[in-house]
C-alpha atoms as a PDB file:
ATOM      1  CA  MET A   1     154.959 123.935  24.304  1.00  0.00           C
ATOM      2  CA  VAL A   2     157.131 121.116  25.534  1.00  0.00           C
ATOM      3  CA  THR A   3     159.521 119.069  23.105  1.00  0.00           C
ATOM      4  CA  ILE A   4     158.259 115.264  23.712  1.00  0.00           C
ATOM      5  CA  ALA A   5     155.138 113.960  25.329  1.00  0.00           C
ATOM      6  CA  PRO A   6     155.707 112.907  28.694  1.00  0.00           C
ATOM      7  CA  TYR A   7     156.331 116.350  29.546  1.00  0.00           C
ATOM      8  CA  ALA A   8     153.061 117.424  28.286  1.00  0.00           C
ATOM      9  CA  TYR A   9     151.191 115.140  30.906  1.00  0.00           C
ATOM     10  CA  PHE A  10     153.048 117.059  33.265  1.00  0.00           C
ATOM     11  CA  VAL A  11     152.142 120.268  32.099  1.00  0.00           C
ATOM     12  CA  GLU A  12     148.641 119.227  31.722  1.00  0.00           C
ATOM     13  CA  ARG A  13     148.265 117.823  35.042  1.00  0.00           C
ATOM     14  CA  ILE A  14     149.346 120.988  36.364  1.00  0.00           C
ATOM     15  CA  VAL A  15     147.561 124.002  33.969  1.00  0.00           C
ATOM     16  CA  GLY A  16     144.131 121.829  33.878  1.00  0.00           C
ATOM     17  CA  ASN A  17     142.214 123.801  31.367  1.00  0.00           C
ATOM     18  CA  THR A  18     143.601 127.155  31.690  1.00  0.00           C
ATOM     19  CA  LEU A  19     146.324 126.623  29.118  1.00  0.00           C
ATOM     20  CA  ASP A  20     146.694 124.807  25.725  1.00  0.00           C
ATOM     21  CA  VAL A  21     149.789 122.463  25.753  1.00  0.00           C
ATOM     22  CA  GLN A  22     151.536 121.765  22.407  1.00  0.00           C
ATOM     23  CA  THR A  23     154.378 119.056  21.630  1.00  0.00           C
ATOM     24  CA  LEU A  24     156.797 119.518  19.247  1.00  0.00           C
ATOM     25  CA  ILE A  25     157.591 116.018  18.563  1.00  0.00           C
ATOM     26  CA  PRO A  26     154.980 113.692  16.808  1.00  0.00           C
ATOM     27  CA  PRO A  27     154.342 110.368  18.388  1.00  0.00           C
ATOM     28  CA  ASP A  28     156.432 107.292  17.558  1.00  0.00           C
ATOM     29  CA  MET A  29     159.072 109.413  16.011  1.00  0.00           C
ATOM     30  CA  ASN A  30     163.084 108.762  16.791  1.00  0.00           C
ATOM     31  CA  LEU A  31     163.276 111.821  18.662  1.00  0.00           C
ATOM     32  CA  HIS A  32     167.363 112.003  17.969  1.00  0.00           C
ATOM     33  CA  ILE A  33     166.882 112.154  14.158  1.00  0.00           C
ATOM     34  CA  TYR A  34     163.848 114.067  14.033  1.00  0.00           C
ATOM     35  CA  GLU A  35     164.025 117.384  12.246  1.00  0.00           C
ATOM     36  CA  PRO A  36     160.899 119.484  12.245  1.00  0.00           C
ATOM     37  CA  SER A  37     159.561 120.955   8.817  1.00  0.00           C
ATOM     38  CA  PRO A  38     159.071 124.923   8.945  1.00  0.00           C
ATOM     39  CA  LYS A  39     155.515 124.321   8.757  1.00  0.00           C
ATOM     40  CA  SER A  40     155.461 122.178  11.999  1.00  0.00           C
ATOM     41  CA  VAL A  41     157.620 125.080  13.703  1.00  0.00           C
ATOM     42  CA  GLU A  42     155.424 127.685  12.449  1.00  0.00           C
ATOM     43  CA  MET A  43     152.627 126.025  14.510  1.00  0.00           C
ATOM     44  CA  HIS A  44     154.468 126.926  17.806  1.00  0.00           C
ATOM     45  CA  THR A  45     155.303 130.485  16.951  1.00  0.00           C
ATOM     46  CA  ARG A  46     152.452 131.794  19.799  1.00  0.00           C
ATOM     47  CA  ALA A  47     153.885 129.664  22.535  1.00  0.00           C
ATOM     48  CA  ASN A  48     154.398 131.327  25.931  1.00  0.00           C
ATOM     49  CA  VAL A  49     156.966 129.168  27.365  1.00  0.00           C
ATOM     50  CA  TRP A  50     158.898 126.446  25.698  1.00  0.00           C
ATOM     51  CA  PHE A  51     160.207 123.395  28.591  1.00  0.00           C
ATOM     52  CA  GLN A  52     163.232 122.106  26.415  1.00  0.00           C
ATOM     53  CA  ILE A  53     165.015 118.796  27.432  1.00  0.00           C
ATOM     54  CA  GLY A  54     168.841 119.605  25.861  1.00  0.00           C
ATOM     55  CA  GLU A  55     168.579 118.272  22.465  1.00  0.00           C
ATOM     56  CA  PRO A  56     170.796 119.778  19.894  1.00  0.00           C
ATOM     57  CA  PHE A  57     168.091 120.829  17.596  1.00  0.00           C
ATOM     58  CA  GLU A  58     166.059 122.712  19.983  1.00  0.00           C
ATOM     59  CA  LYS A  59     168.915 125.794  19.851  1.00  0.00           C
ATOM     60  CA  LYS A  60     168.155 125.831  16.163  1.00  0.00           C
ATOM     61  CA  ILE A  61     164.256 126.072  16.563  1.00  0.00           C
ATOM     62  CA  THR A  62     164.765 128.480  19.349  1.00  0.00           C
ATOM     63  CA  GLN A  63     166.230 130.856  16.917  1.00  0.00           C
ATOM     64  CA  SER A  64     163.377 130.549  14.351  1.00  0.00           C
ATOM     65  CA  LEU A  65     160.662 130.884  16.907  1.00  0.00           C
ATOM     66  CA  LEU A  66     162.261 134.095  18.629  1.00  0.00           C
ATOM     67  CA  GLU A  67     162.288 135.654  15.277  1.00  0.00           C
ATOM     68  CA  LYS A  68     158.625 135.461  15.471  1.00  0.00           C
ATOM     69  CA  ASN A  69     158.189 135.585  19.217  1.00  0.00           C
ATOM     70  CA  PRO A  70     160.745 137.506  21.025  1.00  0.00           C
ATOM     71  CA  LYS A  71     158.853 137.202  24.002  1.00  0.00           C
ATOM     72  CA  LEU A  72     159.192 133.373  24.158  1.00  0.00           C
ATOM     73  CA  LYS A  73     160.720 131.882  27.389  1.00  0.00           C
ATOM     74  CA  THR A  74     162.996 128.864  27.231  1.00  0.00           C
ATOM     75  CA  VAL A  75     163.173 126.594  30.079  1.00  0.00           C
ATOM     76  CA  ASN A  76     165.965 123.920  30.332  1.00  0.00           C
ATOM     77  CA  LEU A  77     164.322 121.076  32.376  1.00  0.00           C
ATOM     78  CA  GLN A  78     167.751 119.273  32.697  1.00  0.00           C
ATOM     79  CA  ALA A  79     169.226 122.318  34.817  1.00  0.00           C
ATOM     80  CA  GLY A  80     170.089 121.405  38.337  1.00  0.00           C
ATOM     81  CA  LEU A  81     169.620 117.705  37.837  1.00  0.00           C
ATOM     82  CA  ASP A  82     172.614 115.000  38.700  1.00  0.00           C
ATOM     83  CA  VAL A  83     172.921 113.849  34.956  1.00  0.00           C
ATOM     84  CA  LEU A  84     175.124 110.937  33.807  1.00  0.00           C
ATOM     85  CA  THR A  85     177.032 111.087  30.655  1.00  0.00           C
ATOM     86  CA  GLU A  86     175.994 108.656  27.743  1.00  0.00           C
ATOM     87  CA  GLU A  87     178.844 106.343  28.688  1.00  0.00           C
ATOM     88  CA  ASP A  88     178.175 106.372  32.565  1.00  0.00           C
ATOM     89  CA  ALA A  89     174.361 105.622  31.887  1.00  0.00           C
ATOM     90  CA  ILE A  90     175.539 102.027  30.090  1.00  0.00           C
ATOM     91  CA  GLU A  91     177.800  99.157  31.450  1.00  0.00           C
ATOM     92  CA  LEU A  92     178.583  97.758  27.699  1.00  0.00           C
ATOM     93  CA  SER A  93     177.713  99.334  24.175  1.00  0.00           C
ATOM     94  CA  PRO A  94     179.258  99.172  21.044  1.00  0.00           C
ATOM     95  CA  CYS A  95     179.567 103.054  21.671  1.00  0.00           C
ATOM     96  CA  VAL A  96     181.487 102.909  24.544  1.00  0.00           C
ATOM     97  CA  GLY A  97     185.277 103.879  23.691  1.00  0.00           C
ATOM     98  CA  HIS A  98     184.143 106.308  21.031  1.00  0.00           C
ATOM     99  CA  HIS A  99     184.223 109.273  23.385  1.00  0.00           C
ATOM    100  CA  HIS A 100     180.795 110.249  23.197  1.00  0.00           C
ATOM    101  CA  THR A 101     180.463 111.709  26.642  1.00  0.00           C
ATOM    102  CA  GLY A 102     177.488 114.220  26.250  1.00  0.00           C
ATOM    103  CA  ALA A 103     174.600 114.231  28.859  1.00  0.00           C
ATOM    104  CA  ASP A 104     172.118 111.317  28.566  1.00  0.00           C
ATOM    105  CA  LEU A 105     169.022 113.167  28.259  1.00  0.00           C
ATOM    106  CA  HIS A 106     166.351 110.553  29.114  1.00  0.00           C
ATOM    107  CA  THR A 107     165.872 111.768  32.622  1.00  0.00           C
ATOM    108  CA  TRP A 108     162.214 111.541  32.715  1.00  0.00           C
ATOM    109  CA  LEU A 109     162.666 107.868  33.002  1.00  0.00           C
ATOM    110  CA  SER A 110     163.682 108.556  36.268  1.00  0.00           C
ATOM    111  CA  PRO A 111     160.473 109.132  38.420  1.00  0.00           C
ATOM    112  CA  LYS A 112     162.609 110.965  41.130  1.00  0.00           C
ATOM    113  CA  LEU A 113     163.989 113.255  38.308  1.00  0.00           C
ATOM    114  CA  ALA A 114     160.521 113.511  36.906  1.00  0.00           C
ATOM    115  CA  LEU A 115     159.259 114.974  40.097  1.00  0.00           C
ATOM    116  CA  LYS A 116     161.942 117.645  40.156  1.00  0.00           C
ATOM    117  CA  GLN A 117     161.075 118.603  36.769  1.00  0.00           C
ATOM    118  CA  ALA A 118     157.792 118.972  37.332  1.00  0.00           C
ATOM    119  CA  GLN A 119     158.399 121.240  40.220  1.00  0.00           C
ATOM    120  CA  HIS A 120     160.720 123.267  37.956  1.00  0.00           C
ATOM    121  CA  ILE A 121     158.011 123.411  35.660  1.00  0.00           C
ATOM    122  CA  SER A 122     155.245 124.472  38.236  1.00  0.00           C
ATOM    123  CA  GLN A 123     157.636 127.273  39.877  1.00  0.00           C
ATOM    124  CA  THR A 124     157.783 128.684  35.994  1.00  0.00           C
ATOM    125  CA  LEU A 125     154.384 128.555  35.096  1.00  0.00           C
ATOM    126  CA  ILE A 126     153.238 129.982  38.505  1.00  0.00           C
ATOM    127  CA  ALA A 127     155.729 133.141  37.761  1.00  0.00           C
ATOM    128  CA  LEU A 128     154.633 133.645  34.512  1.00  0.00           C
ATOM    129  CA  PHE A 129     150.911 133.084  35.386  1.00  0.00           C
ATOM    130  CA  PRO A 130     150.191 134.108  38.887  1.00  0.00           C
ATOM    131  CA  GLU A 131     146.657 134.678  38.549  1.00  0.00           C
ATOM    132  CA  TYR A 132     146.485 130.559  38.701  1.00  0.00           C
ATOM    133  CA  ARG A 133     149.184 130.224  41.427  1.00  0.00           C
ATOM    134  CA  GLU A 134     146.786 128.305  43.882  1.00  0.00           C
ATOM    135  CA  GLU A 135     145.175 125.931  41.353  1.00  0.00           C
ATOM    136  CA  TYR A 136     148.676 125.077  39.963  1.00  0.00           C
ATOM    137  CA  GLN A 137     150.285 124.476  43.090  1.00  0.00           C
ATOM    138  CA  LYS A 138     147.196 122.339  44.294  1.00  0.00           C
ATOM    139  CA  ASN A 139     147.925 120.159  41.260  1.00  0.00           C
ATOM    140  CA  PHE A 140     151.463 119.729  41.440  1.00  0.00           C
ATOM    141  CA  ASN A 141     150.851 118.866  45.031  1.00  0.00           C
ATOM    142  CA  ASN A 142     148.569 116.174  43.478  1.00  0.00           C
ATOM    143  CA  LEU A 143     151.090 115.402  40.655  1.00  0.00           C
ATOM    144  CA  ALA A 144     154.010 115.319  42.972  1.00  0.00           C
ATOM    145  CA  LEU A 145     151.851 112.583  45.118  1.00  0.00           C
ATOM    146  CA  ASP A 146     151.574 110.513  42.019  1.00  0.00           C
ATOM    147  CA  LEU A 147     154.818 110.280  41.201  1.00  0.00           C
ATOM    148  CA  GLN A 148     156.156 109.623  44.709  1.00  0.00           C
ATOM    149  CA  THR A 149     153.661 106.725  44.849  1.00  0.00           C
ATOM    150  CA  LEU A 150     154.983 105.526  41.380  1.00  0.00           C
ATOM    151  CA  ASP A 151     158.733 105.671  42.363  1.00  0.00           C
ATOM    152  CA  ARG A 152     157.800 103.622  45.591  1.00  0.00           C
ATOM    153  CA  ASP A 153     155.522 101.013  43.280  1.00  0.00           C
ATOM    154  CA  ILE A 154     158.595 100.602  41.058  1.00  0.00           C
ATOM    155  CA  GLU A 155     161.052  99.925  43.425  1.00  0.00           C
ATOM    156  CA  LYS A 156     158.838  97.438  45.138  1.00  0.00           C
ATOM    157  CA  ILE A 157     158.140  95.571  41.747  1.00  0.00           C
ATOM    158  CA  LEU A 158     161.787  95.761  40.988  1.00  0.00           C
ATOM    159  CA  SER A 159     163.495  95.150  44.285  1.00  0.00           C
ATOM    160  CA  PRO A 160     163.897  91.318  43.447  1.00  0.00           C
ATOM    161  CA  PHE A 161     166.094  91.902  40.358  1.00  0.00           C
ATOM    162  CA  LYS A 162     168.575  94.191  41.804  1.00  0.00           C
ATOM    163  CA  GLY A 163     171.887  93.781  39.799  1.00  0.00           C
ATOM    164  CA  ASN A 164     170.228  91.920  36.768  1.00  0.00           C
ATOM    165  CA  ALA A 165     170.775  93.636  33.462  1.00  0.00           C
ATOM    166  CA  LEU A 166     168.137  94.837  30.507  1.00  0.00           C
ATOM    167  CA  LEU A 167     169.430  94.390  27.312  1.00  0.00           C
ATOM    168  CA  VAL A 168     168.234  97.408  25.155  1.00  0.00           C
ATOM    169  CA  SER A 169     167.996  98.280  21.869  1.00  0.00           C
ATOM    170  CA  HIS A 170     168.725 102.193  22.780  1.00  0.00           C
ATOM    171  CA  SER A 171     170.398 103.520  25.920  1.00  0.00           C
ATOM    172  CA  ALA A 172     167.399 105.125  26.964  1.00  0.00           C
ATOM    173  CA  PHE A 173     167.372 103.334  30.643  1.00  0.00           C
ATOM    174  CA  GLY A 174     170.416 104.729  32.054  1.00  0.00           C
ATOM    175  CA  TYR A 175     168.474 106.463  34.840  1.00  0.00           C
ATOM    176  CA  PHE A 176     165.955 104.184  35.331  1.00  0.00           C
ATOM    177  CA  CYS A 177     168.767 101.606  35.731  1.00  0.00           C
ATOM    178  CA  ARG A 178     170.101 103.963  38.402  1.00  0.00           C
ATOM    179  CA  ASP A 179     167.262 104.520  40.632  1.00  0.00           C
ATOM    180  CA  TYR A 180     166.348 100.599  40.650  1.00  0.00           C
ATOM    181  CA  GLY A 181     169.555  98.990  40.942  1.00  0.00           C
ATOM    182  CA  LEU A 182     170.036  97.454  37.384  1.00  0.00           C
ATOM    183  CA  ILE A 183     172.517  97.470  34.709  1.00  0.00           C
ATOM    184  CA  GLN A 184     171.930  98.630  31.056  1.00  0.00           C
ATOM    185  CA  LEU A 185     173.261  96.519  28.158  1.00  0.00           C
ATOM    186  CA  SER A 186     172.790  98.670  25.201  1.00  0.00           C
ATOM    187  CA  VAL A 187     173.119  97.038  21.477  1.00  0.00           C
ATOM    188  CA  GLU A 188     173.108  99.978  19.220  1.00  0.00           C
ATOM    189  CA  CYS A 189     175.407 102.819  18.449  1.00  0.00           C
ATOM    190  CA  GLU A 190     174.211 105.646  16.641  1.00  0.00           C
ATOM    191  CA  GLY A 191     171.743 103.731  15.269  1.00  0.00           C
ATOM    192  CA  LYS A 192     173.784 101.191  13.664  1.00  0.00           C
ATOM    193  CA  GLU A 193     173.195  97.221  13.786  1.00  0.00           C
ATOM    194  CA  PRO A 194     175.782  95.826  15.789  1.00  0.00           C
ATOM    195  CA  ARG A 195     178.867  93.969  14.397  1.00  0.00           C
ATOM    196  CA  PRO A 196     179.465  90.430  15.196  1.00  0.00           C
ATOM    197  CA  ARG A 197     182.293  91.126  17.490  1.00  0.00           C
ATOM    198  CA  ASP A 198     179.878  93.513  19.481  1.00  0.00           C
ATOM    199  CA  ILE A 199     177.602  91.177  19.574  1.00  0.00           C
ATOM    200  CA  GLN A 200     180.161  88.454  21.109  1.00  0.00           C
ATOM    201  CA  GLN A 201     180.856  91.198  23.598  1.00  0.00           C
ATOM    202  CA  ILE A 202     177.455  91.531  24.389  1.00  0.00           C
ATOM    203  CA  LEU A 203     176.543  87.907  24.888  1.00  0.00           C
ATOM    204  CA  GLU A 204     179.938  87.638  27.062  1.00  0.00           C
ATOM    205  CA  LYS A 205     178.745  90.448  29.340  1.00  0.00           C
ATOM    206  CA  THR A 206     175.614  88.420  29.846  1.00  0.00           C
ATOM    207  CA  LYS A 207     177.177  85.456  31.294  1.00  0.00           C
ATOM    208  CA  ILE A 208     178.310  88.018  34.402  1.00  0.00           C
ATOM    209  CA  TYR A 209     174.771  89.843  34.437  1.00  0.00           C
ATOM    210  CA  PRO A 210     171.384  87.824  34.370  1.00  0.00           C
ATOM    211  CA  VAL A 211     169.642  89.603  31.741  1.00  0.00           C
ATOM    212  CA  GLN A 212     165.693  90.252  32.870  1.00  0.00           C
ATOM    213  CA  CYS A 213     164.353  90.647  29.410  1.00  0.00           C
ATOM    214  CA  VAL A 214     165.161  92.751  26.204  1.00  0.00           C
ATOM    215  CA  LEU A 215     163.524  96.221  25.696  1.00  0.00           C
ATOM    216  CA  LEU A 216     163.034  97.169  21.875  1.00  0.00           C
ATOM    217  CA  GLN A 217     162.111 100.736  21.093  1.00  0.00           C
ATOM    218  CA  LYS A 218     159.625 102.179  18.786  1.00  0.00           C
ATOM    219  CA  GLY A 219     161.506 104.227  16.063  1.00  0.00           C
ATOM    220  CA  PHE A 220     164.617 102.782  16.378  1.00  0.00           C
ATOM    221  CA  ASN A 221     166.760  99.896  15.023  1.00  0.00           C
ATOM    222  CA  ASN A 222     165.782  96.887  17.044  1.00  0.00           C
ATOM    223  CA  ARG A 223     167.210  94.096  14.753  1.00  0.00           C
ATOM    224  CA  GLY A 224     170.531  93.319  16.854  1.00  0.00           C
ATOM    225  CA  ALA A 225     168.661  93.186  20.331  1.00  0.00           C
ATOM    226  CA  THR A 226     166.170  90.881  19.177  1.00  0.00           C
ATOM    227  CA  GLN A 227     168.525  88.937  17.538  1.00  0.00           C
ATOM    228  CA  ILE A 228     170.661  88.574  20.955  1.00  0.00           C
ATOM    229  CA  GLY A 229     167.366  88.232  22.829  1.00  0.00           C
ATOM    230  CA  GLU A 230     166.105  85.370  20.833  1.00  0.00           C
ATOM    231  CA  LYS A 231     169.574  83.613  21.097  1.00  0.00           C
ATOM    232  CA  LEU A 232     169.198  83.925  24.666  1.00  0.00           C
ATOM    233  CA  GLN A 233     165.719  82.843  24.437  1.00  0.00           C
ATOM    234  CA  LEU A 234     164.679  86.093  26.942  1.00  0.00           C
ATOM    235  CA  PRO A 235     161.311  87.738  27.133  1.00  0.00           C
ATOM    236  CA  ILE A 236     161.317  90.717  24.518  1.00  0.00           C
ATOM    237  CA  TYR A 237     158.849  93.877  24.733  1.00  0.00           C
ATOM    238  CA  LEU A 238     158.425  96.904  22.389  1.00  0.00           C
ATOM    239  CA  VAL A 239     158.509  99.946  24.739  1.00  0.00           C
ATOM    240  CA  ASP A 240     157.916 103.588  24.111  1.00  0.00           C
ATOM    241  CA  PRO A 241     159.418 105.731  26.652  1.00  0.00           C
ATOM    242  CA  TYR A 242     158.094 108.627  24.985  1.00  0.00           C
ATOM    243  CA  ALA A 243     154.380 107.786  25.584  1.00  0.00           C
ATOM    244  CA  ARG A 244     151.879 110.811  26.862  1.00  0.00           C
ATOM    245  CA  ASP A 245     150.560 108.938  29.752  1.00  0.00           C
ATOM    246  CA  TYR A 246     153.460 108.676  32.064  1.00  0.00           C
ATOM    247  CA  LEU A 247     152.449 107.192  35.171  1.00  0.00           C
ATOM    248  CA  LYS A 248     150.651 103.929  32.833  1.00  0.00           C
ATOM    249  CA  ASN A 249     153.812 103.706  30.849  1.00  0.00           C
ATOM    250  CA  MET A 250     156.142 103.423  33.645  1.00  0.00           C
ATOM    251  CA  ARG A 251     154.088 100.870  35.369  1.00  0.00           C
ATOM    252  CA  GLN A 252     153.767  98.974  32.392  1.00  0.00           C
ATOM    253  CA  ILE A 253     157.650  99.013  31.615  1.00  0.00           C
ATOM    254  CA  ALA A 254     158.253  97.806  34.943  1.00  0.00           C
ATOM    255  CA  GLY A 255     155.636  95.052  35.202  1.00  0.00           C
ATOM    256  CA  ASN A 256     157.188  93.660  32.049  1.00  0.00           C
ATOM    257  CA  ILE A 257     160.958  93.712  33.532  1.00  0.00           C
ATOM    258  CA  ALA A 258     159.367  91.936  36.378  1.00  0.00           C
ATOM    259  CA  LYS A 259     157.896  89.175  34.603  1.00  0.00           C
END
């Protein structure tokens, strides 16, 4: 069991047809405000292991699942990673200064960190199902090669744009920007539209950093980012960081930025 679809892709690549992989959060849902219904939680009571990403709601659901399945193993995929705080991840946002210093949980959007998480997943599954050790190790090795190639490809695609900014409707791209030398300018704060003074701050920041494009996100308030993007006549793209086909999706995001 995983919380979001990109990790389902990693698990499926490792386990092949040996296990059934379930995803808690449905497609196109805002992870940060989604509250699973008791019925949807009930569907996951037979899971052997849950690979988690550190969202607060996971703790509550874990308690509910453990009552019905005390053998459920939970694995924090943020453990051991060089994580950013929410404020470290963005150059400018209406939220900066609001003392929101929790961890930025969007680690899978860094192929480098995704590789470490995939290794964590592989090691956990081999420990739980040693009869599949050889198969899981082989499958992980193939996945690792794909993730390393992805990282190199994105580096090559985006290297001409280092120092440029991404204007985003939701601050999901801190690790991606850190990996590839970009600057994240976020428009939203807690899902609210930016105030006129926030928009002015962002417009001033765009005079310092050349803005490559605007990235809107499914399930989030995109109005402010769209407004600023249109004012600056920037390319605007709707992206889905939670898409299941991780390799294809990451290449598509990088390709849009480079257009």
